[in-house]
């Protein structure tokens, strides 16, 4: 399995987890929410919204276009801080995000 295949599979696992925990939204946030200049749009989007509406589609776009993937990519540290320790999906989501991060930890792309 190529890195691209592994990344795509992990994105699907993250989406499935969001759906399983009823965190997947059918309606996109207002366009202004995407104009944030803050990392993770933390001033305009909730953490799970950013995953659904920014990370997942942008990563799929890179994969679909055959573009190079980022190096040393890591989102799980943000989610460790951003998600309340009592959130029911926190622990399982952190596992899936750490798996995604691990796909970018190597030197090969």
Protein backbone atom coordinates (compact mmCIF):
# COMPACT_ATOMS: atom_id res chain seq x y z
CA UNK A 1 0.00 0.00 0.00
CA UNK A 2 1.42 3.40 -0.94
CA UNK A 3 1.55 6.35 1.42
CA UNK A 4 -1.24 7.96 -0.60
CA UNK A 5 -3.40 4.85 -0.14
CA UNK A 6 -2.63 4.75 3.58
CA UNK A 7 -3.47 8.43 4.02
CA UNK A 8 -6.74 8.04 2.13
CA UNK A 9 -7.70 5.02 4.24
CA UNK A 10 -6.93 6.95 7.42
CA UNK A 11 -9.02 9.92 6.25
CA UNK A 12 -11.92 7.53 5.69
CA UNK A 13 -11.42 6.11 9.19
CA UNK A 14 -11.55 9.62 10.67
CA UNK A 15 -14.72 10.43 8.72
CA UNK A 16 -16.33 7.16 9.85
CA UNK A 17 -15.48 7.97 13.46
CA UNK A 18 -17.00 11.45 13.15
CA UNK A 19 -20.16 9.90 11.73
CA UNK A 20 -20.27 7.17 14.38
CA UNK A 21 -20.17 9.79 17.14
CA UNK A 22 -22.77 12.01 15.40
CA UNK A 23 -20.16 14.73 14.87
CA UNK A 24 -20.50 14.81 11.07
CA UNK A 25 -22.44 17.84 9.88
CA UNK A 26 -24.70 17.91 6.85
CA UNK A 27 -24.47 21.70 6.44
CA UNK A 28 -21.20 23.56 6.01
CA UNK A 29 -20.38 26.51 8.25
CA UNK A 30 -20.86 29.98 6.82
CA UNK A 31 -18.18 31.00 4.27
CA UNK A 32 -16.76 33.59 6.67
CA UNK A 33 -15.72 30.78 9.02
CA UNK A 34 -13.13 29.67 6.48
CA UNK A 35 -11.55 33.13 6.25
CA UNK A 36 -9.85 32.77 9.61
CA UNK A 37 -6.14 33.48 9.77
CA UNK A 38 -5.75 31.39 12.94
CA UNK A 39 -4.31 27.86 12.82
CA UNK A 40 -7.10 25.27 12.67
CA UNK A 41 -9.54 28.20 12.25
CA UNK A 42 -9.71 28.03 16.02
CA UNK A 43 -11.51 31.36 16.23
CA UNK A 44 -14.28 30.37 13.80
CA UNK A 45 -14.63 26.56 13.74
CA UNK A 46 -14.97 23.91 16.40
CA UNK A 47 -12.20 21.28 16.29
CA UNK A 48 -14.38 18.62 14.69
CA UNK A 49 -15.69 21.13 12.14
CA UNK A 50 -12.12 21.87 11.07
CA UNK A 51 -11.48 18.17 10.56
CA UNK A 52 -14.59 17.72 8.43
CA UNK A 53 -14.57 20.93 6.44
CA UNK A 54 -10.85 21.73 6.11
CA UNK A 55 -8.42 18.87 6.78
CA UNK A 56 -10.29 15.96 5.21
CA UNK A 57 -11.26 17.74 1.95
CA UNK A 58 -7.85 19.39 1.52
CA UNK A 59 -6.02 16.11 2.02
CA UNK A 60 -8.36 14.36 -0.44
CA UNK A 61 -7.69 17.17 -2.94
CA UNK A 62 -3.93 16.62 -2.62
CA UNK A 63 -4.38 12.89 -3.08
CA UNK A 64 -6.80 13.26 -6.00
CA UNK A 65 -4.44 15.65 -7.75
CA UNK A 66 -1.39 13.45 -7.19
CA UNK A 67 0.29 16.32 -5.36
CA UNK A 68 3.12 15.84 -2.88
CA UNK A 69 1.98 15.30 0.69
CA UNK A 70 3.23 17.45 3.57
CA UNK A 71 6.24 16.39 5.61
CA UNK A 72 6.34 16.34 9.42
CA UNK A 73 2.59 16.86 9.55
CA UNK A 74 0.93 16.58 12.97
CA UNK A 75 -2.57 17.50 14.11
CA UNK A 76 -2.98 15.27 17.15
CA UNK A 77 -1.13 17.65 19.53
CA UNK A 78 -3.72 20.36 18.80
CA UNK A 79 -6.56 17.93 19.46
CA UNK A 80 -4.99 16.80 22.73
CA UNK A 81 -5.28 20.40 23.88
CA UNK A 82 -8.51 21.39 22.12
CA UNK A 83 -10.77 18.51 23.08
CA UNK A 84 -12.22 18.46 26.55
CA UNK A 85 -10.94 15.42 28.43
CA UNK A 86 -14.54 14.36 29.10
CA UNK A 87 -15.61 14.40 25.42
CA UNK A 88 -16.83 10.88 24.59
CA UNK A 89 -14.98 10.75 21.25
CA UNK A 90 -11.72 12.26 22.50
CA UNK A 91 -9.66 9.14 23.13
CA UNK A 92 -10.68 7.25 19.99
CA UNK A 93 -10.25 10.36 17.84
CA UNK A 94 -6.77 10.98 19.24
CA UNK A 95 -5.81 7.42 18.30
CA UNK A 96 -6.98 7.94 14.71
CA UNK A 97 -5.29 11.35 14.44
CA UNK A 98 -2.04 9.92 15.80
CA UNK A 99 -2.25 7.21 13.13
CA UNK A 100 -2.65 9.92 10.50
CA UNK A 101 0.29 11.86 11.92
CA UNK A 102 2.44 8.71 11.87
CA UNK A 103 1.97 8.46 8.11
CA UNK A 104 3.84 11.77 7.79
CA UNK A 105 6.56 11.07 10.35
CA UNK A 106 8.91 9.27 7.96
CA UNK A 107 11.36 10.81 5.55
CA UNK A 108 9.73 9.31 2.47
CA UNK A 109 6.67 10.88 0.87
